[in-house]
Amino acid sequence: MPHADASLVPKSIQTKKEFWDHVYGQLEALLDGQRNWITNLANASAHIFSSLQGFPAHFGQDDKKAVNWCGFYIVDYLFPAPRGTEVITSSNDHKKLLLGPFCGKPACQFINVYPKPRGVCADAFNKRQTLRVPKVDLYPGHIACDGETKSEIVVPLLIPQDDGTEEAVGVLDLDCLAVGGFDADDEIGLNRIAKLIVSSCDW
């Protein structure tokens, strides 16, 4: 099957649970055999975004309910350091999330997470929990990368540690043109997908 066909959504799929189960299965196949996190996040953002565009029952390409941005922000220490500079290898030293692979309009290049965190992505990252925001304009400190966005969901990317804690390495961020665009089914589906992405990459 051509890689692009992975994001095709059968017309028989009508519920969000069916949709996210389908997206998960297709993404699992796409990520198989590849461990590079940049490559996998690029395919994941394209797959999720294209699948949502092809799901008119709840999202599609309607200018009133479409998902208009899907992508990742990743801790700065995971990105290659400029030549001749010290490479940071500890998550304790990070101060910002840098823009990673995404689909949609140009976005903010970085998001501060310490010592002055701001916005949904920073809060989801620091709290290590998924945040659903039905009206972004009402969220304290919201960063408006696109004025057309009405709602947002952000899922932290968490790596389980041997001591039972979790290391946050970034977030998966989706924006929607509709108020209250994301519900509990979306949260469950995206949480599962985030875990798949984390376990499929070498960080």
C-alpha atoms as a PDB file:
ATOM      1  CA  MET A   1       0.000   0.000   0.000  1.00  0.00           C
ATOM      2  CA  PRO A   2       1.361   3.473  -0.847  1.00  0.00           C
ATOM      3  CA  HIS A   3       2.226   5.413   2.329  1.00  0.00           C
ATOM      4  CA  ALA A   4      -0.217   8.216   1.432  1.00  0.00           C
ATOM      5  CA  ASP A   5      -3.121   5.754   1.421  1.00  0.00           C
ATOM      6  CA  ALA A   6      -2.630   5.182   5.157  1.00  0.00           C
ATOM      7  CA  SER A   7      -4.618   8.352   5.873  1.00  0.00           C
ATOM      8  CA  LEU A   8      -7.661   7.349   3.822  1.00  0.00           C
ATOM      9  CA  VAL A   9     -10.731   7.007   6.050  1.00  0.00           C
ATOM     10  CA  PRO A  10     -13.360   4.437   4.966  1.00  0.00           C
ATOM     11  CA  LYS A  11     -16.867   5.876   4.614  1.00  0.00           C
ATOM     12  CA  SER A  12     -18.130   3.194   6.972  1.00  0.00           C
ATOM     13  CA  ILE A  13     -16.352   4.919   9.863  1.00  0.00           C
ATOM     14  CA  GLN A  14     -18.780   7.337  11.504  1.00  0.00           C
ATOM     15  CA  THR A  15     -17.978   7.516  15.218  1.00  0.00           C
ATOM     16  CA  LYS A  16     -14.946   9.121  16.766  1.00  0.00           C
ATOM     17  CA  LYS A  17     -13.996   5.888  18.526  1.00  0.00           C
ATOM     18  CA  GLU A  18     -13.965   4.052  15.203  1.00  0.00           C
ATOM     19  CA  PHE A  19     -11.988   6.884  13.665  1.00  0.00           C
ATOM     20  CA  TRP A  20      -9.247   6.980  16.289  1.00  0.00           C
ATOM     21  CA  ASP A  21      -8.963   3.193  16.324  1.00  0.00           C
ATOM     22  CA  HIS A  22      -8.435   3.341  12.554  1.00  0.00           C
ATOM     23  CA  VAL A  23      -5.878   6.162  12.793  1.00  0.00           C
ATOM     24  CA  TYR A  24      -3.996   4.238  15.487  1.00  0.00           C
ATOM     25  CA  GLY A  25      -3.804   1.057  13.434  1.00  0.00           C
ATOM     26  CA  GLN A  26      -2.624   2.869  10.315  1.00  0.00           C
ATOM     27  CA  LEU A  27      -0.066   4.884  12.257  1.00  0.00           C
ATOM     28  CA  GLU A  28       1.272   1.763  13.936  1.00  0.00           C
ATOM     29  CA  ALA A  29       2.016   0.322  10.501  1.00  0.00           C
ATOM     30  CA  LEU A  30       3.605   3.592   9.319  1.00  0.00           C
ATOM     31  CA  LEU A  31       5.971   3.733  12.288  1.00  0.00           C
ATOM     32  CA  ASP A  32       6.982   0.085  12.113  1.00  0.00           C
ATOM     33  CA  GLY A  33      10.696  -0.347  11.416  1.00  0.00           C
ATOM     34  CA  GLN A  34      11.627   3.307  12.029  1.00  0.00           C
ATOM     35  CA  ARG A  35      12.962   4.667  15.336  1.00  0.00           C
ATOM     36  CA  ASN A  36      14.079   8.199  14.422  1.00  0.00           C
ATOM     37  CA  TRP A  37      11.837  10.621  16.298  1.00  0.00           C
ATOM     38  CA  ILE A  38      11.932  13.388  13.681  1.00  0.00           C
ATOM     39  CA  THR A  39      10.934  11.020  10.893  1.00  0.00           C
ATOM     40  CA  ASN A  40       8.173   9.440  12.972  1.00  0.00           C
ATOM     41  CA  LEU A  41       6.746  12.750  14.188  1.00  0.00           C
ATOM     42  CA  ALA A  42       6.696  14.042  10.614  1.00  0.00           C
ATOM     43  CA  ASN A  43       4.685  11.038   9.439  1.00  0.00           C
ATOM     44  CA  ALA A  44       2.471  11.112  12.534  1.00  0.00           C
ATOM     45  CA  SER A  45       1.487  14.770  12.123  1.00  0.00           C
ATOM     46  CA  ALA A  46       0.794  14.278   8.401  1.00  0.00           C
ATOM     47  CA  HIS A  47      -1.199  11.111   9.011  1.00  0.00           C
ATOM     48  CA  ILE A  48      -3.347  12.521  11.811  1.00  0.00           C
ATOM     49  CA  PHE A  49      -3.991  15.816  10.004  1.00  0.00           C
ATOM     50  CA  SER A  50      -4.838  14.178   6.659  1.00  0.00           C
ATOM     51  CA  SER A  51      -7.075  11.605   8.335  1.00  0.00           C
ATOM     52  CA  LEU A  52      -9.000  14.358  10.129  1.00  0.00           C
ATOM     53  CA  GLN A  53      -9.429  16.185   6.813  1.00  0.00           C
ATOM     54  CA  GLY A  54     -10.929  13.002   5.400  1.00  0.00           C
ATOM     55  CA  PHE A  55     -13.420  12.546   8.258  1.00  0.00           C
ATOM     56  CA  PRO A  56     -16.329  14.907   7.444  1.00  0.00           C
ATOM     57  CA  ALA A  57     -18.655  13.251   9.949  1.00  0.00           C
ATOM     58  CA  HIS A  58     -16.978  15.253  12.730  1.00  0.00           C
ATOM     59  CA  PHE A  59     -14.095  17.328  11.280  1.00  0.00           C
ATOM     60  CA  GLY A  60     -13.318  17.197   7.551  1.00  0.00           C
ATOM     61  CA  GLN A  61     -12.399  20.363   5.669  1.00  0.00           C
ATOM     62  CA  ASP A  62     -15.388  22.429   6.776  1.00  0.00           C
ATOM     63  CA  ASP A  63     -14.235  25.954   7.648  1.00  0.00           C
ATOM     64  CA  LYS A  64     -16.388  25.824  10.782  1.00  0.00           C
ATOM     65  CA  LYS A  65     -15.248  22.528  12.327  1.00  0.00           C
ATOM     66  CA  ALA A  66     -11.967  21.442  10.712  1.00  0.00           C
ATOM     67  CA  VAL A  67      -8.747  20.814  12.597  1.00  0.00           C
ATOM     68  CA  ASN A  68      -6.497  23.584  11.261  1.00  0.00           C
ATOM     69  CA  TRP A  69      -3.213  22.587  12.921  1.00  0.00           C
ATOM     70  CA  CYS A  70      -1.652  19.338  14.097  1.00  0.00           C
ATOM     71  CA  GLY A  71       1.918  18.977  15.232  1.00  0.00           C
ATOM     72  CA  PHE A  72       4.536  18.690  17.913  1.00  0.00           C
ATOM     73  CA  TYR A  73       6.602  20.832  20.239  1.00  0.00           C
ATOM     74  CA  ILE A  74       9.679  19.059  21.583  1.00  0.00           C
ATOM     75  CA  VAL A  75      12.116  19.830  24.426  1.00  0.00           C
ATOM     76  CA  ASP A  76      15.048  21.886  23.221  1.00  0.00           C
ATOM     77  CA  TYR A  77      17.761  19.482  24.401  1.00  0.00           C
ATOM     78  CA  LEU A  78      16.686  16.830  21.889  1.00  0.00           C
ATOM     79  CA  PHE A  79      17.515  19.050  18.924  1.00  0.00           C
ATOM     80  CA  PRO A  80      21.083  19.081  17.532  1.00  0.00           C
ATOM     81  CA  ALA A  81      23.229  21.780  19.134  1.00  0.00           C
ATOM     82  CA  PRO A  82      25.170  24.219  16.945  1.00  0.00           C
ATOM     83  CA  ARG A  83      28.710  23.073  16.261  1.00  0.00           C
ATOM     84  CA  GLY A  84      31.168  24.064  18.932  1.00  0.00           C
ATOM     85  CA  THR A  85      28.568  24.383  21.703  1.00  0.00           C
ATOM     86  CA  GLU A  86      27.897  22.160  24.688  1.00  0.00           C
ATOM     87  CA  VAL A  87      25.223  19.530  24.153  1.00  0.00           C
ATOM     88  CA  ILE A  88      22.535  19.452  26.849  1.00  0.00           C
ATOM     89  CA  THR A  89      21.535  15.889  27.686  1.00  0.00           C
ATOM     90  CA  SER A  90      19.341  16.303  30.772  1.00  0.00           C
ATOM     91  CA  SER A  91      15.662  17.168  30.742  1.00  0.00           C
ATOM     92  CA  ASN A  92      16.271  19.114  33.975  1.00  0.00           C
ATOM     93  CA  ASP A  93      18.048  21.799  31.955  1.00  0.00           C
ATOM     94  CA  HIS A  94      15.318  22.564  29.445  1.00  0.00           C
ATOM     95  CA  LYS A  95      13.682  25.968  29.355  1.00  0.00           C
ATOM     96  CA  LYS A  96      11.582  25.809  26.215  1.00  0.00           C
ATOM     97  CA  LEU A  97       9.822  23.608  23.693  1.00  0.00           C
ATOM     98  CA  LEU A  98      10.869  24.023  20.081  1.00  0.00           C
ATOM     99  CA  LEU A  99       8.564  23.658  17.093  1.00  0.00           C
ATOM    100  CA  GLY A 100       8.752  20.168  15.615  1.00  0.00           C
ATOM    101  CA  PRO A 101       7.079  18.488  12.636  1.00  0.00           C
ATOM    102  CA  PHE A 102       3.554  19.786  11.954  1.00  0.00           C
ATOM    103  CA  CYS A 103       0.790  20.310   9.382  1.00  0.00           C
ATOM    104  CA  GLY A 104      -0.991  23.638   9.091  1.00  0.00           C
ATOM    105  CA  LYS A 105      -0.088  27.296   8.934  1.00  0.00           C
ATOM    106  CA  PRO A 106       3.272  28.599  10.266  1.00  0.00           C
ATOM    107  CA  ALA A 107       3.406  28.423  14.058  1.00  0.00           C
ATOM    108  CA  CYS A 108       5.260  29.813  17.054  1.00  0.00           C
ATOM    109  CA  GLN A 109       8.920  28.777  16.912  1.00  0.00           C
ATOM    110  CA  PHE A 110       9.211  28.050  20.633  1.00  0.00           C
ATOM    111  CA  ILE A 111       7.211  27.936  23.856  1.00  0.00           C
ATOM    112  CA  ASN A 112       8.703  28.781  27.245  1.00  0.00           C
ATOM    113  CA  VAL A 113       8.125  26.123  29.893  1.00  0.00           C
ATOM    114  CA  TYR A 114      10.505  27.405  32.606  1.00  0.00           C
ATOM    115  CA  PRO A 115      10.773  29.610  34.613  1.00  0.00           C
ATOM    116  CA  LYS A 116       7.763  31.485  33.192  1.00  0.00           C
ATOM    117  CA  PRO A 117       5.532  28.971  31.402  1.00  0.00           C
ATOM    118  CA  ARG A 118       2.765  30.313  29.201  1.00  0.00           C
ATOM    119  CA  GLY A 119      -0.030  28.737  27.184  1.00  0.00           C
ATOM    120  CA  VAL A 120      -1.786  25.386  26.859  1.00  0.00           C
ATOM    121  CA  CYS A 121       1.270  23.513  25.559  1.00  0.00           C
ATOM    122  CA  ALA A 122       3.480  24.648  28.443  1.00  0.00           C
ATOM    123  CA  ASP A 123       0.815  23.761  31.013  1.00  0.00           C
ATOM    124  CA  ALA A 124       0.173  20.296  29.528  1.00  0.00           C
ATOM    125  CA  PHE A 125       3.916  19.668  29.436  1.00  0.00           C
ATOM    126  CA  ASN A 126       4.588  20.802  33.011  1.00  0.00           C
ATOM    127  CA  LYS A 127       1.495  19.135  34.486  1.00  0.00           C
ATOM    128  CA  ARG A 128       2.093  15.978  32.424  1.00  0.00           C
ATOM    129  CA  GLN A 129      -1.580  15.707  31.605  1.00  0.00           C
ATOM    130  CA  THR A 130      -3.792  16.176  28.577  1.00  0.00           C
ATOM    131  CA  LEU A 131      -5.589  19.516  28.413  1.00  0.00           C
ATOM    132  CA  ARG A 132      -8.797  20.097  26.455  1.00  0.00           C
ATOM    133  CA  VAL A 133      -9.641  23.764  25.941  1.00  0.00           C
ATOM    134  CA  PRO A 134     -13.131  24.381  24.492  1.00  0.00           C
ATOM    135  CA  LYS A 135     -12.598  28.149  24.109  1.00  0.00           C
ATOM    136  CA  VAL A 136      -8.975  29.175  23.693  1.00  0.00           C
ATOM    137  CA  ASP A 137      -9.754  32.874  24.071  1.00  0.00           C
ATOM    138  CA  LEU A 138     -10.751  32.215  27.682  1.00  0.00           C
ATOM    139  CA  TYR A 139      -7.606  30.276  28.584  1.00  0.00           C
ATOM    140  CA  PRO A 140      -5.160  32.283  30.749  1.00  0.00           C
ATOM    141  CA  GLY A 141      -1.959  32.985  28.840  1.00  0.00           C
ATOM    142  CA  HIS A 142      -3.180  31.439  25.597  1.00  0.00           C
ATOM    143  CA  ILE A 143      -0.695  31.892  22.750  1.00  0.00           C
ATOM    144  CA  ALA A 144      -2.637  32.785  19.610  1.00  0.00           C
ATOM    145  CA  CYS A 145      -0.551  31.379  16.763  1.00  0.00           C
ATOM    146  CA  ASP A 146      -3.657  31.464  14.521  1.00  0.00           C
ATOM    147  CA  GLY A 147      -6.524  33.838  15.281  1.00  0.00           C
ATOM    148  CA  GLU A 148      -8.998  31.485  13.594  1.00  0.00           C
ATOM    149  CA  THR A 149      -8.445  28.735  16.183  1.00  0.00           C
ATOM    150  CA  LYS A 150     -11.359  28.353  18.605  1.00  0.00           C
ATOM    151  CA  SER A 151     -10.480  25.208  20.587  1.00  0.00           C
ATOM    152  CA  GLU A 152      -7.422  23.100  21.320  1.00  0.00           C
ATOM    153  CA  ILE A 153      -6.233  19.811  22.774  1.00  0.00           C
ATOM    154  CA  VAL A 154      -2.661  19.175  23.924  1.00  0.00           C
ATOM    155  CA  VAL A 155      -1.294  15.742  24.847  1.00  0.00           C
ATOM    156  CA  PRO A 156       2.071  15.397  26.616  1.00  0.00           C
ATOM    157  CA  LEU A 157       4.611  12.898  25.283  1.00  0.00           C
ATOM    158  CA  LEU A 158       5.711  10.938  28.364  1.00  0.00           C
ATOM    159  CA  ILE A 159       8.494   8.359  28.646  1.00  0.00           C
ATOM    160  CA  PRO A 160       8.035   5.920  31.577  1.00  0.00           C
ATOM    161  CA  GLN A 161      11.082   5.734  33.861  1.00  0.00           C
ATOM    162  CA  ASP A 162      12.363   2.792  35.922  1.00  0.00           C
ATOM    163  CA  ASP A 163      11.505   4.586  39.171  1.00  0.00           C
ATOM    164  CA  GLY A 164       7.834   4.940  38.174  1.00  0.00           C
ATOM    165  CA  THR A 165       8.040   8.580  37.133  1.00  0.00           C
ATOM    166  CA  GLU A 166       7.552   9.927  33.620  1.00  0.00           C
ATOM    167  CA  GLU A 167       9.872  12.158  31.611  1.00  0.00           C
ATOM    168  CA  ALA A 168       8.088  14.676  29.379  1.00  0.00           C
ATOM    169  CA  VAL A 169       9.822  15.140  26.025  1.00  0.00           C
ATOM    170  CA  GLY A 170       7.209  17.269  24.270  1.00  0.00           C
ATOM    171  CA  VAL A 171       3.562  17.617  23.350  1.00  0.00           C
ATOM    172  CA  LEU A 172       1.166  16.726  20.557  1.00  0.00           C
ATOM    173  CA  ASP A 173      -0.974  19.789  19.802  1.00  0.00           C
ATOM    174  CA  LEU A 174      -4.191  20.028  17.755  1.00  0.00           C
ATOM    175  CA  ASP A 175      -6.211  23.186  17.006  1.00  0.00           C
ATOM    176  CA  CYS A 176      -9.789  23.328  15.750  1.00  0.00           C
ATOM    177  CA  LEU A 177     -11.910  26.004  14.062  1.00  0.00           C
ATOM    178  CA  ALA A 178     -14.960  25.048  16.160  1.00  0.00           C
ATOM    179  CA  VAL A 179     -15.691  26.013  19.751  1.00  0.00           C
ATOM    180  CA  GLY A 180     -15.600  22.803  21.799  1.00  0.00           C
ATOM    181  CA  GLY A 181     -14.119  20.938  18.856  1.00  0.00           C
ATOM    182  CA  PHE A 182     -12.647  18.128  20.940  1.00  0.00           C
ATOM    183  CA  ASP A 183     -14.405  15.790  23.356  1.00  0.00           C
ATOM    184  CA  ALA A 184     -13.608  12.821  25.600  1.00  0.00           C
ATOM    185  CA  ASP A 185     -13.423  10.415  22.651  1.00  0.00           C
ATOM    186  CA  ASP A 186     -10.764  12.585  21.023  1.00  0.00           C
ATOM    187  CA  GLU A 187      -8.817  12.728  24.274  1.00  0.00           C
ATOM    188  CA  ILE A 188      -8.882   8.951  24.697  1.00  0.00           C
ATOM    189  CA  GLY A 189      -7.854   8.366  21.094  1.00  0.00           C
ATOM    190  CA  LEU A 190      -5.041  10.923  21.133  1.00  0.00           C
ATOM    191  CA  ASN A 191      -3.699   9.729  24.488  1.00  0.00           C
ATOM    192  CA  ARG A 192      -3.380   6.255  23.024  1.00  0.00           C
ATOM    193  CA  ILE A 193      -1.697   7.610  19.896  1.00  0.00           C
ATOM    194  CA  ALA A 194       0.768   9.657  21.970  1.00  0.00           C
ATOM    195  CA  LYS A 195       1.829   6.517  23.833  1.00  0.00           C
ATOM    196  CA  LEU A 196       2.325   4.712  20.520  1.00  0.00           C
ATOM    197  CA  ILE A 197       4.496   7.533  19.202  1.00  0.00           C
ATOM    198  CA  VAL A 198       6.629   7.652  22.357  1.00  0.00           C
ATOM    199  CA  SER A 199       7.217   3.893  22.377  1.00  0.00           C
ATOM    200  CA  SER A 200       8.054   3.880  18.654  1.00  0.00           C
ATOM    201  CA  CYS A 201      10.912   6.411  18.878  1.00  0.00           C
ATOM    202  CA  ASP A 202      14.467   6.530  20.176  1.00  0.00           C
ATOM    203  CA  TRP A 203      14.694   9.769  22.125  1.00  0.00           C
END
